[in-house]
Amino acid sequence: METEDRRTRQELFDAGALGDQYVPRLQQLHARNAARLHEIISTQGWPHQDLVGTDGAEAAWLIVQHAIGEPDFQRQALVLLKEQAAQGRVPAWHGAYLEDRIAMYEDRPQRYGTQWIDDPIDGRIRPWPLAEPVQVNEQRASVGLGPLRPVPELGPELSHAEQQTIKEKHRWWRQWLASRGWLAKDPSH
């Protein structure tokens, strides 16, 4: 499942089809993989390193990280990942990435600085807002992540049209997230 995910993502990237909206082909793949991982979890528990090895545990993490159309599944998986990390069966950063992703999709500040988005002013990628910016590197270290990479300085402003394109992309994603139950149904901001 991980191999198919990475291959499909690369094919879509190479074709210039990633970025603005959630490509239906990728949505379908992520939903299919999430359903299969859910089946595995229901019979075997979370696929931790002792059960499926490091590669298998990372594949499970990637699949749940990409299951963005499944809010309840991601929230349940976060609980399982934290339990497994506490037992030393998966790296703690697995839960950190998923926790940040969920926070971003719920329009809350993130804790570990793992989620970055395009800034509509200058087009540079910056972290989604941080819950505790001063402590972010301590938080990251606590789950085995290195320091937050440098945040780009504000660059030259994009043209109005380019800014609108990024804003429209953000609007599309907020509407999509709302349609899946991540956000309130009024994603106008």
N, C-alpha and C. Protein backbone atom coordinates (compact mmCIF):
# COMPACT_ATOMS: atom_id res chain seq x y z
N MET A 1 0.83 -1.20 0.00
CA MET A 1 0.00 0.00 0.00
C MET A 1 0.87 1.26 0.00
N GLU A 2 1.95 1.23 0.80
CA GLU A 2 2.84 2.38 0.82
C GLU A 2 3.50 2.59 -0.54
N THR A 3 3.94 1.51 -1.15
CA THR A 3 4.59 1.61 -2.46
C THR A 3 3.63 2.20 -3.49
N GLU A 4 2.39 1.73 -3.49
CA GLU A 4 1.41 2.27 -4.42
C GLU A 4 1.13 3.74 -4.15
N ASP A 5 1.06 4.12 -2.88
CA ASP A 5 0.84 5.51 -2.50
C ASP A 5 1.97 6.39 -3.05
N ARG A 6 3.20 5.99 -2.78
CA ARG A 6 4.36 6.79 -3.22
C ARG A 6 4.46 6.85 -4.75
N ARG A 7 4.20 5.70 -5.40
CA ARG A 7 4.26 5.66 -6.86
C ARG A 7 3.20 6.56 -7.48
N THR A 8 1.98 6.47 -6.98
CA THR A 8 0.88 7.29 -7.51
C THR A 8 1.15 8.77 -7.29
N ARG A 9 1.62 9.12 -6.10
CA ARG A 9 1.94 10.51 -5.79
C ARG A 9 3.02 11.03 -6.74
N GLN A 10 4.04 10.21 -6.99
CA GLN A 10 5.13 10.62 -7.88
C GLN A 10 4.61 10.79 -9.32
N GLU A 11 3.78 9.86 -9.77
CA GLU A 11 3.21 9.97 -11.12
C GLU A 11 2.41 11.26 -11.26
N LEU A 12 1.59 11.57 -10.26
CA LEU A 12 0.78 12.78 -10.30
C LEU A 12 1.65 14.03 -10.22
N PHE A 13 2.70 13.97 -9.40
CA PHE A 13 3.64 15.09 -9.31
C PHE A 13 4.32 15.32 -10.65
N ASP A 14 4.82 14.24 -11.25
CA ASP A 14 5.50 14.34 -12.54
C ASP A 14 4.58 14.90 -13.63
N ALA A 15 3.29 14.61 -13.51
CA ALA A 15 2.31 15.10 -14.49
C ALA A 15 1.82 16.51 -14.17
N GLY A 16 2.31 17.09 -13.06
CA GLY A 16 1.89 18.42 -12.66
C GLY A 16 0.48 18.47 -12.12
N ALA A 17 -0.02 17.33 -11.62
CA ALA A 17 -1.41 17.24 -11.18
C ALA A 17 -1.58 17.35 -9.67
N LEU A 18 -0.51 17.60 -8.92
CA LEU A 18 -0.63 17.74 -7.46
C LEU A 18 -0.58 19.20 -7.07
N GLY A 19 -1.21 19.52 -5.95
CA GLY A 19 -1.04 20.85 -5.40
C GLY A 19 -2.29 21.63 -5.13
N ASP A 20 -3.06 21.93 -6.14
CA ASP A 20 -4.18 22.84 -5.95
C ASP A 20 -5.38 22.17 -5.28
N GLN A 21 -5.74 21.01 -5.74
CA GLN A 21 -6.90 20.30 -5.19
C GLN A 21 -6.52 18.85 -4.97
N TYR A 22 -7.36 18.15 -4.24
CA TYR A 22 -7.13 16.75 -3.91
C TYR A 22 -7.58 15.93 -5.12
N VAL A 23 -6.64 15.38 -5.82
CA VAL A 23 -6.89 14.64 -7.06
C VAL A 23 -7.75 13.40 -6.75
N PRO A 24 -8.85 13.20 -7.47
CA PRO A 24 -9.72 12.05 -7.20
C PRO A 24 -8.98 10.70 -7.16
N ARG A 25 -8.04 10.52 -8.05
CA ARG A 25 -7.29 9.26 -8.06
C ARG A 25 -6.57 9.05 -6.73
N LEU A 26 -6.00 10.10 -6.18
CA LEU A 26 -5.30 10.01 -4.90
C LEU A 26 -6.30 9.85 -3.75
N GLN A 27 -7.42 10.55 -3.83
CA GLN A 27 -8.47 10.39 -2.81
C GLN A 27 -8.92 8.94 -2.73
N GLN A 28 -9.16 8.33 -3.88
CA GLN A 28 -9.63 6.94 -3.91
C GLN A 28 -8.59 5.99 -3.35
N LEU A 29 -7.33 6.21 -3.71
CA LEU A 29 -6.25 5.37 -3.20
C LEU A 29 -6.14 5.51 -1.68
N HIS A 30 -6.17 6.73 -1.19
CA HIS A 30 -6.06 6.95 0.26
C HIS A 30 -7.24 6.33 1.00
N ALA A 31 -8.43 6.43 0.46
CA ALA A 31 -9.61 5.84 1.10
C ALA A 31 -9.51 4.31 1.10
N ARG A 32 -9.06 3.75 0.00
CA ARG A 32 -8.90 2.28 -0.08
C ARG A 32 -7.84 1.80 0.91
N ASN A 33 -6.71 2.51 0.97
CA ASN A 33 -5.65 2.12 1.91
C ASN A 33 -6.11 2.28 3.36
N ALA A 34 -6.85 3.35 3.65
CA ALA A 34 -7.35 3.56 5.02
C ALA A 34 -8.31 2.43 5.41
N ALA A 35 -9.18 2.02 4.49
CA ALA A 35 -10.12 0.94 4.79
C ALA A 35 -9.36 -0.36 5.08
N ARG A 36 -8.34 -0.62 4.29
CA ARG A 36 -7.56 -1.84 4.50
C ARG A 36 -6.79 -1.78 5.83
N LEU A 37 -6.18 -0.63 6.13
CA LEU A 37 -5.47 -0.49 7.40
C LEU A 37 -6.43 -0.62 8.57
N HIS A 38 -7.62 -0.08 8.42
CA HIS A 38 -8.64 -0.21 9.47
C HIS A 38 -8.96 -1.69 9.72
N GLU A 39 -9.08 -2.47 8.65
CA GLU A 39 -9.32 -3.92 8.78
C GLU A 39 -8.18 -4.59 9.54
N ILE A 40 -6.96 -4.24 9.18
CA ILE A 40 -5.78 -4.83 9.82
C ILE A 40 -5.78 -4.50 11.31
N ILE A 41 -6.05 -3.24 11.64
CA ILE A 41 -6.06 -2.82 13.04
C ILE A 41 -7.14 -3.55 13.82
N SER A 42 -8.29 -3.76 13.20
CA SER A 42 -9.40 -4.41 13.91
C SER A 42 -9.10 -5.88 14.24
N THR A 43 -8.21 -6.50 13.46
CA THR A 43 -7.89 -7.91 13.74
C THR A 43 -6.53 -8.10 14.41
N GLN A 44 -5.57 -7.21 14.11
CA GLN A 44 -4.20 -7.40 14.61
C GLN A 44 -3.75 -6.33 15.60
N GLY A 45 -4.50 -5.24 15.70
CA GLY A 45 -4.04 -4.09 16.47
C GLY A 45 -3.17 -3.21 15.58
N TRP A 46 -2.61 -2.14 16.17
CA TRP A 46 -1.79 -1.23 15.38
C TRP A 46 -0.55 -1.98 14.88
N PRO A 47 -0.21 -1.84 13.59
CA PRO A 47 0.96 -2.52 13.03
C PRO A 47 2.27 -1.89 13.54
N HIS A 48 2.67 -2.26 14.72
CA HIS A 48 3.88 -1.71 15.34
C HIS A 48 5.12 -2.48 14.89
N GLN A 49 6.28 -1.96 15.27
CA GLN A 49 7.55 -2.52 14.80
C GLN A 49 7.74 -3.98 15.20
N ASP A 50 7.32 -4.36 16.40
CA ASP A 50 7.49 -5.76 16.82
C ASP A 50 6.66 -6.71 15.96
N LEU A 51 5.57 -6.20 15.42
CA LEU A 51 4.65 -7.01 14.63
C LEU A 51 5.02 -7.03 13.14
N VAL A 52 5.37 -5.86 12.59
CA VAL A 52 5.58 -5.76 11.14
C VAL A 52 6.94 -5.17 10.75
N GLY A 53 7.81 -4.94 11.72
CA GLY A 53 9.12 -4.36 11.44
C GLY A 53 9.04 -2.86 11.26
N THR A 54 10.19 -2.24 11.19
CA THR A 54 10.26 -0.78 11.05
C THR A 54 9.60 -0.31 9.77
N ASP A 55 9.87 -0.99 8.65
CA ASP A 55 9.28 -0.58 7.36
C ASP A 55 7.76 -0.68 7.40
N GLY A 56 7.24 -1.75 7.98
CA GLY A 56 5.79 -1.93 8.06
C GLY A 56 5.13 -0.89 8.95
N ALA A 57 5.79 -0.57 10.08
CA ALA A 57 5.24 0.44 10.99
C ALA A 57 5.23 1.81 10.31
N GLU A 58 6.30 2.11 9.56
CA GLU A 58 6.33 3.40 8.86
C GLU A 58 5.31 3.43 7.73
N ALA A 59 5.08 2.30 7.09
CA ALA A 59 4.06 2.24 6.04
C ALA A 59 2.68 2.51 6.64
N ALA A 60 2.40 1.91 7.80
CA ALA A 60 1.11 2.14 8.46
C ALA A 60 0.95 3.61 8.83
N TRP A 61 2.04 4.20 9.34
CA TRP A 61 1.99 5.62 9.68
C TRP A 61 1.70 6.47 8.44
N LEU A 62 2.38 6.20 7.33
CA LEU A 62 2.16 6.97 6.11
C LEU A 62 0.71 6.83 5.63
N ILE A 63 0.18 5.63 5.70
CA ILE A 63 -1.20 5.40 5.24
C ILE A 63 -2.18 6.20 6.09
N VAL A 64 -2.01 6.17 7.41
CA VAL A 64 -2.94 6.94 8.25
C VAL A 64 -2.71 8.44 8.09
N GLN A 65 -1.48 8.85 7.88
CA GLN A 65 -1.17 10.27 7.67
C GLN A 65 -1.87 10.78 6.41
N HIS A 66 -1.99 9.92 5.41
CA HIS A 66 -2.62 10.30 4.15
C HIS A 66 -4.13 10.05 4.13
N ALA A 67 -4.69 9.49 5.18
CA ALA A 67 -6.12 9.19 5.23
C ALA A 67 -6.90 10.44 5.63
N ILE A 68 -6.68 11.52 4.90
CA ILE A 68 -7.21 12.82 5.31
C ILE A 68 -8.72 12.95 5.12
N GLY A 69 -9.32 12.06 4.38
CA GLY A 69 -10.77 12.07 4.22
C GLY A 69 -11.49 11.27 5.30
N GLU A 70 -10.72 10.79 6.29
CA GLU A 70 -11.26 9.92 7.34
C GLU A 70 -10.94 10.51 8.72
N PRO A 71 -11.61 11.61 9.12
CA PRO A 71 -11.27 12.25 10.40
C PRO A 71 -11.36 11.32 11.61
N ASP A 72 -12.43 10.53 11.71
CA ASP A 72 -12.57 9.65 12.87
C ASP A 72 -11.45 8.61 12.90
N PHE A 73 -11.11 8.07 11.75
CA PHE A 73 -10.03 7.09 11.68
C PHE A 73 -8.71 7.71 12.10
N GLN A 74 -8.42 8.92 11.63
CA GLN A 74 -7.16 9.56 12.02
C GLN A 74 -7.14 9.84 13.52
N ARG A 75 -8.24 10.28 14.07
CA ARG A 75 -8.28 10.55 15.52
C ARG A 75 -8.09 9.26 16.32
N GLN A 76 -8.72 8.18 15.89
CA GLN A 76 -8.55 6.89 16.58
C GLN A 76 -7.12 6.39 16.44
N ALA A 77 -6.56 6.54 15.26
CA ALA A 77 -5.18 6.10 15.03
C ALA A 77 -4.20 6.88 15.89
N LEU A 78 -4.46 8.16 16.12
CA LEU A 78 -3.58 8.97 16.96
C LEU A 78 -3.51 8.38 18.37
N VAL A 79 -4.64 7.98 18.91
CA VAL A 79 -4.66 7.35 20.24
C VAL A 79 -3.81 6.08 20.22
N LEU A 80 -3.98 5.26 19.20
CA LEU A 80 -3.21 4.01 19.10
C LEU A 80 -1.72 4.29 18.93
N LEU A 81 -1.38 5.27 18.10
CA LEU A 81 0.04 5.61 17.90
C LEU A 81 0.68 6.08 19.20
N LYS A 82 -0.02 6.89 19.95
CA LYS A 82 0.54 7.36 21.23
C LYS A 82 0.73 6.20 22.20
N GLU A 83 -0.22 5.28 22.23
CA GLU A 83 -0.08 4.10 23.09
C GLU A 83 1.13 3.26 22.67
N GLN A 84 1.28 3.05 21.38
CA GLN A 84 2.40 2.25 20.88
C GLN A 84 3.74 2.96 21.13
N ALA A 85 3.76 4.27 20.98
CA ALA A 85 4.99 5.03 21.23
C ALA A 85 5.37 4.94 22.71
N ALA A 86 4.38 5.00 23.59
CA ALA A 86 4.65 4.89 25.04
C ALA A 86 5.26 3.53 25.39
N GLN A 87 4.95 2.52 24.58
CA GLN A 87 5.49 1.17 24.80
C GLN A 87 6.77 0.94 24.00
N GLY A 88 7.23 1.95 23.28
CA GLY A 88 8.45 1.84 22.50
C GLY A 88 8.31 1.01 21.23
N ARG A 89 7.08 0.84 20.75
CA ARG A 89 6.84 0.01 19.57
C ARG A 89 6.79 0.78 18.26
N VAL A 90 6.64 2.10 18.34
CA VAL A 90 6.74 2.99 17.17
C VAL A 90 7.44 4.25 17.63
N PRO A 91 8.11 4.95 16.73
CA PRO A 91 8.74 6.21 17.13
C PRO A 91 7.67 7.24 17.53
N ALA A 92 7.98 8.02 18.53
CA ALA A 92 7.04 9.02 19.01
C ALA A 92 6.72 10.07 17.94
N TRP A 93 7.64 10.26 17.00
CA TRP A 93 7.37 11.27 15.96
C TRP A 93 6.21 10.86 15.06
N HIS A 94 5.88 9.57 14.99
CA HIS A 94 4.71 9.16 14.20
C HIS A 94 3.46 9.87 14.73
N GLY A 95 3.26 9.81 16.04
CA GLY A 95 2.10 10.47 16.63
C GLY A 95 2.17 11.98 16.51
N ALA A 96 3.39 12.53 16.61
CA ALA A 96 3.56 13.99 16.52
C ALA A 96 3.09 14.52 15.17
N TYR A 97 3.50 13.84 14.10
CA TYR A 97 3.08 14.27 12.76
C TYR A 97 1.56 14.20 12.62
N LEU A 98 0.99 13.10 13.08
CA LEU A 98 -0.46 12.95 12.95
C LEU A 98 -1.20 13.96 13.83
N GLU A 99 -0.69 14.19 15.03
CA GLU A 99 -1.32 15.18 15.92
C GLU A 99 -1.32 16.57 15.27
N ASP A 100 -0.19 16.95 14.68
CA ASP A 100 -0.12 18.25 14.00
C ASP A 100 -1.06 18.31 12.80
N ARG A 101 -1.12 17.23 12.05
CA ARG A 101 -2.00 17.22 10.87
C ARG A 101 -3.46 17.39 11.29
N ILE A 102 -3.85 16.66 12.32
CA ILE A 102 -5.22 16.77 12.83
C ILE A 102 -5.49 18.19 13.32
N ALA A 103 -4.54 18.77 14.05
CA ALA A 103 -4.72 20.15 14.53
C ALA A 103 -4.93 21.11 13.36
N MET A 104 -4.11 20.95 12.32
CA MET A 104 -4.24 21.82 11.15
C MET A 104 -5.62 21.65 10.51
N TYR A 105 -6.05 20.41 10.33
CA TYR A 105 -7.34 20.17 9.69
C TYR A 105 -8.51 20.63 10.54
N GLU A 106 -8.30 20.70 11.87
CA GLU A 106 -9.33 21.21 12.76
C GLU A 106 -9.18 22.71 13.00
N ASP A 107 -8.26 23.34 12.26
CA ASP A 107 -8.01 24.78 12.34
C ASP A 107 -7.53 25.21 13.72
N ARG A 108 -6.68 24.37 14.31
CA ARG A 108 -6.05 24.67 15.60
C ARG A 108 -4.55 24.78 15.40
N PRO A 109 -3.85 25.49 16.29
CA PRO A 109 -2.39 25.55 16.19
C PRO A 109 -1.78 24.16 16.39
N GLN A 110 -0.67 23.93 15.72
CA GLN A 110 0.03 22.66 15.85
C GLN A 110 1.08 22.74 16.96
N ARG A 111 1.52 21.60 17.40
CA ARG A 111 2.45 21.52 18.52
C ARG A 111 3.91 21.34 18.10
N TYR A 112 4.15 20.57 17.05
CA TYR A 112 5.51 20.16 16.70
C TYR A 112 6.07 20.83 15.44
N GLY A 113 5.28 21.59 14.73
CA GLY A 113 5.76 22.29 13.55
C GLY A 113 6.04 21.39 12.36
N THR A 114 5.27 20.32 12.22
CA THR A 114 5.49 19.39 11.10
C THR A 114 4.68 19.74 9.86
N GLN A 115 3.68 20.60 9.99
CA GLN A 115 2.80 20.92 8.87
C GLN A 115 3.09 22.33 8.38
N TRP A 116 3.37 22.46 7.09
CA TRP A 116 3.72 23.74 6.48
C TRP A 116 2.77 24.02 5.32
N ILE A 117 2.51 25.30 5.06
CA ILE A 117 1.61 25.69 3.95
C ILE A 117 2.19 26.88 3.22
N ASP A 118 1.70 27.10 2.01
CA ASP A 118 2.12 28.26 1.21
C ASP A 118 1.53 29.54 1.79
N ASP A 119 2.36 30.53 1.96
CA ASP A 119 1.91 31.85 2.41
C ASP A 119 1.41 32.61 1.18
N PRO A 120 0.17 33.09 1.20
CA PRO A 120 -0.35 33.77 0.02
C PRO A 120 0.30 35.12 -0.27
N ILE A 121 1.02 35.67 0.68
CA ILE A 121 1.65 36.98 0.43
C ILE A 121 2.85 36.85 -0.49
N ASP A 122 3.75 35.91 -0.16
CA ASP A 122 4.98 35.79 -0.96
C ASP A 122 5.17 34.40 -1.57
N GLY A 123 4.26 33.48 -1.28
CA GLY A 123 4.32 32.15 -1.87
C GLY A 123 5.29 31.20 -1.18
N ARG A 124 6.01 31.68 -0.18
CA ARG A 124 6.96 30.81 0.52
C ARG A 124 6.23 29.91 1.51
N ILE A 125 6.78 28.73 1.70
CA ILE A 125 6.15 27.78 2.60
C ILE A 125 6.60 28.08 4.03
N ARG A 126 5.61 28.12 4.92
CA ARG A 126 5.86 28.41 6.34
C ARG A 126 5.03 27.45 7.19
N PRO A 127 5.43 27.29 8.46
CA PRO A 127 4.67 26.36 9.30
C PRO A 127 3.26 26.87 9.58
N TRP A 128 2.34 25.92 9.65
CA TRP A 128 1.01 26.22 10.17
C TRP A 128 1.23 26.83 11.55
N PRO A 129 0.36 27.72 12.03
CA PRO A 129 0.60 28.37 13.33
C PRO A 129 0.95 27.37 14.44
N LEU A 130 1.88 27.79 15.27
CA LEU A 130 2.38 26.95 16.37
C LEU A 130 1.67 27.30 17.67
N ALA A 131 1.34 26.28 18.45
CA ALA A 131 0.69 26.50 19.74
C ALA A 131 1.65 27.18 20.71
N GLU A 132 2.89 26.74 20.72
CA GLU A 132 3.90 27.29 21.64
C GLU A 132 5.20 27.50 20.87
N PRO A 133 5.31 28.59 20.11
CA PRO A 133 6.49 28.79 19.27
C PRO A 133 7.82 28.75 20.02
N VAL A 134 7.85 29.29 21.24
CA VAL A 134 9.11 29.33 21.99
C VAL A 134 9.55 27.92 22.40
N GLN A 135 8.59 27.02 22.66
CA GLN A 135 8.91 25.67 23.10
C GLN A 135 8.92 24.64 21.96
N VAL A 136 8.74 25.06 20.73
CA VAL A 136 8.57 24.09 19.65
C VAL A 136 9.76 23.14 19.54
N ASN A 137 10.98 23.63 19.70
CA ASN A 137 12.12 22.73 19.57
C ASN A 137 12.22 21.75 20.74
N GLU A 138 11.79 22.16 21.92
CA GLU A 138 11.72 21.23 23.05
C GLU A 138 10.67 20.15 22.77
N GLN A 139 9.52 20.58 22.25
CA GLN A 139 8.46 19.63 21.91
C GLN A 139 8.96 18.63 20.86
N ARG A 140 9.64 19.16 19.85
CA ARG A 140 10.16 18.30 18.79
C ARG A 140 11.17 17.30 19.34
N ALA A 141 12.08 17.78 20.18
CA ALA A 141 13.09 16.90 20.76
C ALA A 141 12.45 15.79 21.59
N SER A 142 11.34 16.10 22.25
CA SER A 142 10.67 15.11 23.11
C SER A 142 10.12 13.93 22.33
N VAL A 143 9.96 14.09 21.01
CA VAL A 143 9.45 12.99 20.17
C VAL A 143 10.49 12.52 19.15
N GLY A 144 11.74 12.96 19.34
CA GLY A 144 12.81 12.49 18.47
C GLY A 144 12.98 13.26 17.18
N LEU A 145 12.42 14.44 17.09
CA LEU A 145 12.60 15.27 15.90
C LEU A 145 13.69 16.30 16.15
N GLY A 146 14.41 16.67 15.10
CA GLY A 146 15.40 17.73 15.21
C GLY A 146 14.73 19.08 15.29
N PRO A 147 15.53 20.13 15.44
CA PRO A 147 14.97 21.48 15.53
C PRO A 147 14.18 21.85 14.28
N LEU A 148 13.21 22.74 14.49
CA LEU A 148 12.41 23.26 13.38
C LEU A 148 13.35 23.91 12.36
N ARG A 149 13.14 23.58 11.11
CA ARG A 149 13.99 24.20 10.10
C ARG A 149 13.70 25.70 10.05
N PRO A 150 14.65 26.49 9.59
CA PRO A 150 14.43 27.94 9.57
C PRO A 150 13.19 28.32 8.76
N VAL A 151 12.44 29.24 9.32
CA VAL A 151 11.25 29.76 8.64
C VAL A 151 11.72 30.88 7.72
N PRO A 152 11.35 30.82 6.44
CA PRO A 152 11.80 31.86 5.51
C PRO A 152 11.33 33.25 5.90
N GLU A 153 12.22 34.20 5.72
CA GLU A 153 11.86 35.61 5.90
C GLU A 153 10.81 35.96 4.85
N LEU A 154 10.07 37.04 5.12
CA LEU A 154 9.09 37.51 4.15
C LEU A 154 9.82 37.95 2.89
N GLY A 155 9.38 37.41 1.78
CA GLY A 155 10.00 37.74 0.51
C GLY A 155 9.18 38.77 -0.25
N PRO A 156 9.57 39.03 -1.47
CA PRO A 156 8.81 39.97 -2.29
C PRO A 156 7.37 39.48 -2.46
N GLU A 157 6.45 40.41 -2.39
CA GLU A 157 5.04 40.05 -2.54
C GLU A 157 4.78 39.51 -3.94
N LEU A 158 3.93 38.50 -3.97
CA LEU A 158 3.47 37.98 -5.25
C LEU A 158 2.50 38.98 -5.87
N SER A 159 2.28 38.82 -7.15
CA SER A 159 1.28 39.67 -7.80
C SER A 159 -0.09 39.36 -7.19
N HIS A 160 -1.01 40.28 -7.37
CA HIS A 160 -2.37 40.08 -6.86
C HIS A 160 -2.96 38.77 -7.38
N ALA A 161 -2.78 38.49 -8.66
CA ALA A 161 -3.32 37.26 -9.26
C ALA A 161 -2.72 36.02 -8.61
N GLU A 162 -1.40 36.05 -8.37
CA GLU A 162 -0.75 34.89 -7.74
C GLU A 162 -1.22 34.72 -6.30
N GLN A 163 -1.40 35.81 -5.59
CA GLN A 163 -1.93 35.73 -4.22
C GLN A 163 -3.33 35.15 -4.22
N GLN A 164 -4.15 35.58 -5.18
CA GLN A 164 -5.52 35.08 -5.27
C GLN A 164 -5.53 33.58 -5.57
N THR A 165 -4.60 33.13 -6.41
CA THR A 165 -4.53 31.71 -6.73
C THR A 165 -4.25 30.88 -5.47
N ILE A 166 -3.31 31.33 -4.65
CA ILE A 166 -3.00 30.62 -3.40
C ILE A 166 -4.19 30.69 -2.44
N LYS A 167 -4.81 31.85 -2.34
CA LYS A 167 -5.97 31.99 -1.46
C LYS A 167 -7.11 31.08 -1.91
N GLU A 168 -7.30 30.97 -3.22
CA GLU A 168 -8.35 30.10 -3.75
C GLU A 168 -8.03 28.64 -3.44
N LYS A 169 -6.78 28.25 -3.54
CA LYS A 169 -6.36 26.89 -3.18
C LYS A 169 -6.67 26.62 -1.71
N HIS A 170 -6.34 27.57 -0.83
CA HIS A 170 -6.64 27.41 0.59
C HIS A 170 -8.14 27.30 0.82
N ARG A 171 -8.92 28.14 0.10
CA ARG A 171 -10.39 28.09 0.22
C ARG A 171 -10.93 26.74 -0.21
N TRP A 172 -10.41 26.22 -1.33
CA TRP A 172 -10.86 24.92 -1.82
C TRP A 172 -10.61 23.85 -0.77
N TRP A 173 -9.40 23.85 -0.20
CA TRP A 173 -9.07 22.85 0.81
C TRP A 173 -9.94 22.98 2.05
N ARG A 174 -10.20 24.21 2.49
CA ARG A 174 -11.06 24.39 3.67
C ARG A 174 -12.46 23.86 3.39
N GLN A 175 -12.98 24.10 2.20
CA GLN A 175 -14.30 23.57 1.86
C GLN A 175 -14.28 22.05 1.82
N TRP A 176 -13.21 21.50 1.25
CA TRP A 176 -13.10 20.04 1.19
C TRP A 176 -13.02 19.46 2.60
N LEU A 177 -12.20 20.06 3.46
CA LEU A 177 -12.07 19.58 4.85
C LEU A 177 -13.41 19.67 5.57
N ALA A 178 -14.13 20.75 5.36
CA ALA A 178 -15.45 20.90 5.98
C ALA A 178 -16.39 19.81 5.48
N SER A 179 -16.31 19.48 4.20
CA SER A 179 -17.19 18.45 3.64
C SER A 179 -16.91 17.07 4.23
N ARG A 180 -15.73 16.88 4.78
CA ARG A 180 -15.36 15.59 5.39
C ARG A 180 -15.54 15.59 6.90
N GLY A 181 -15.98 16.74 7.45
CA GLY A 181 -16.25 16.80 8.88
C GLY A 181 -15.12 17.33 9.73
N TRP A 182 -14.07 17.86 9.10
CA TRP A 182 -12.96 18.41 9.88
C TRP A 182 -13.29 19.78 10.44
N LEU A 183 -13.97 20.61 9.68
CA LEU A 183 -14.23 21.99 10.05
C LEU A 183 -15.72 22.25 10.13
N ALA A 184 -16.05 23.37 10.75
CA ALA A 184 -17.45 23.81 10.72
C ALA A 184 -17.84 24.00 9.27
N LYS A 185 -19.09 23.92 8.99
CA LYS A 185 -19.57 23.98 7.60
C LYS A 185 -19.39 25.35 6.95
N ASP A 186 -18.98 26.39 7.71
CA ASP A 186 -18.75 27.71 7.12
C ASP A 186 -17.26 27.95 6.98
N PRO A 187 -16.66 27.40 5.92
CA PRO A 187 -15.22 27.56 5.73
C PRO A 187 -14.87 28.82 4.96
N SER A 188 -15.63 29.88 5.14
CA SER A 188 -15.44 31.08 4.32
C SER A 188 -14.16 31.83 4.60
N HIS A 189 -13.58 31.66 5.78
CA HIS A 189 -12.35 32.41 6.07
C HIS A 189 -11.11 31.59 5.79
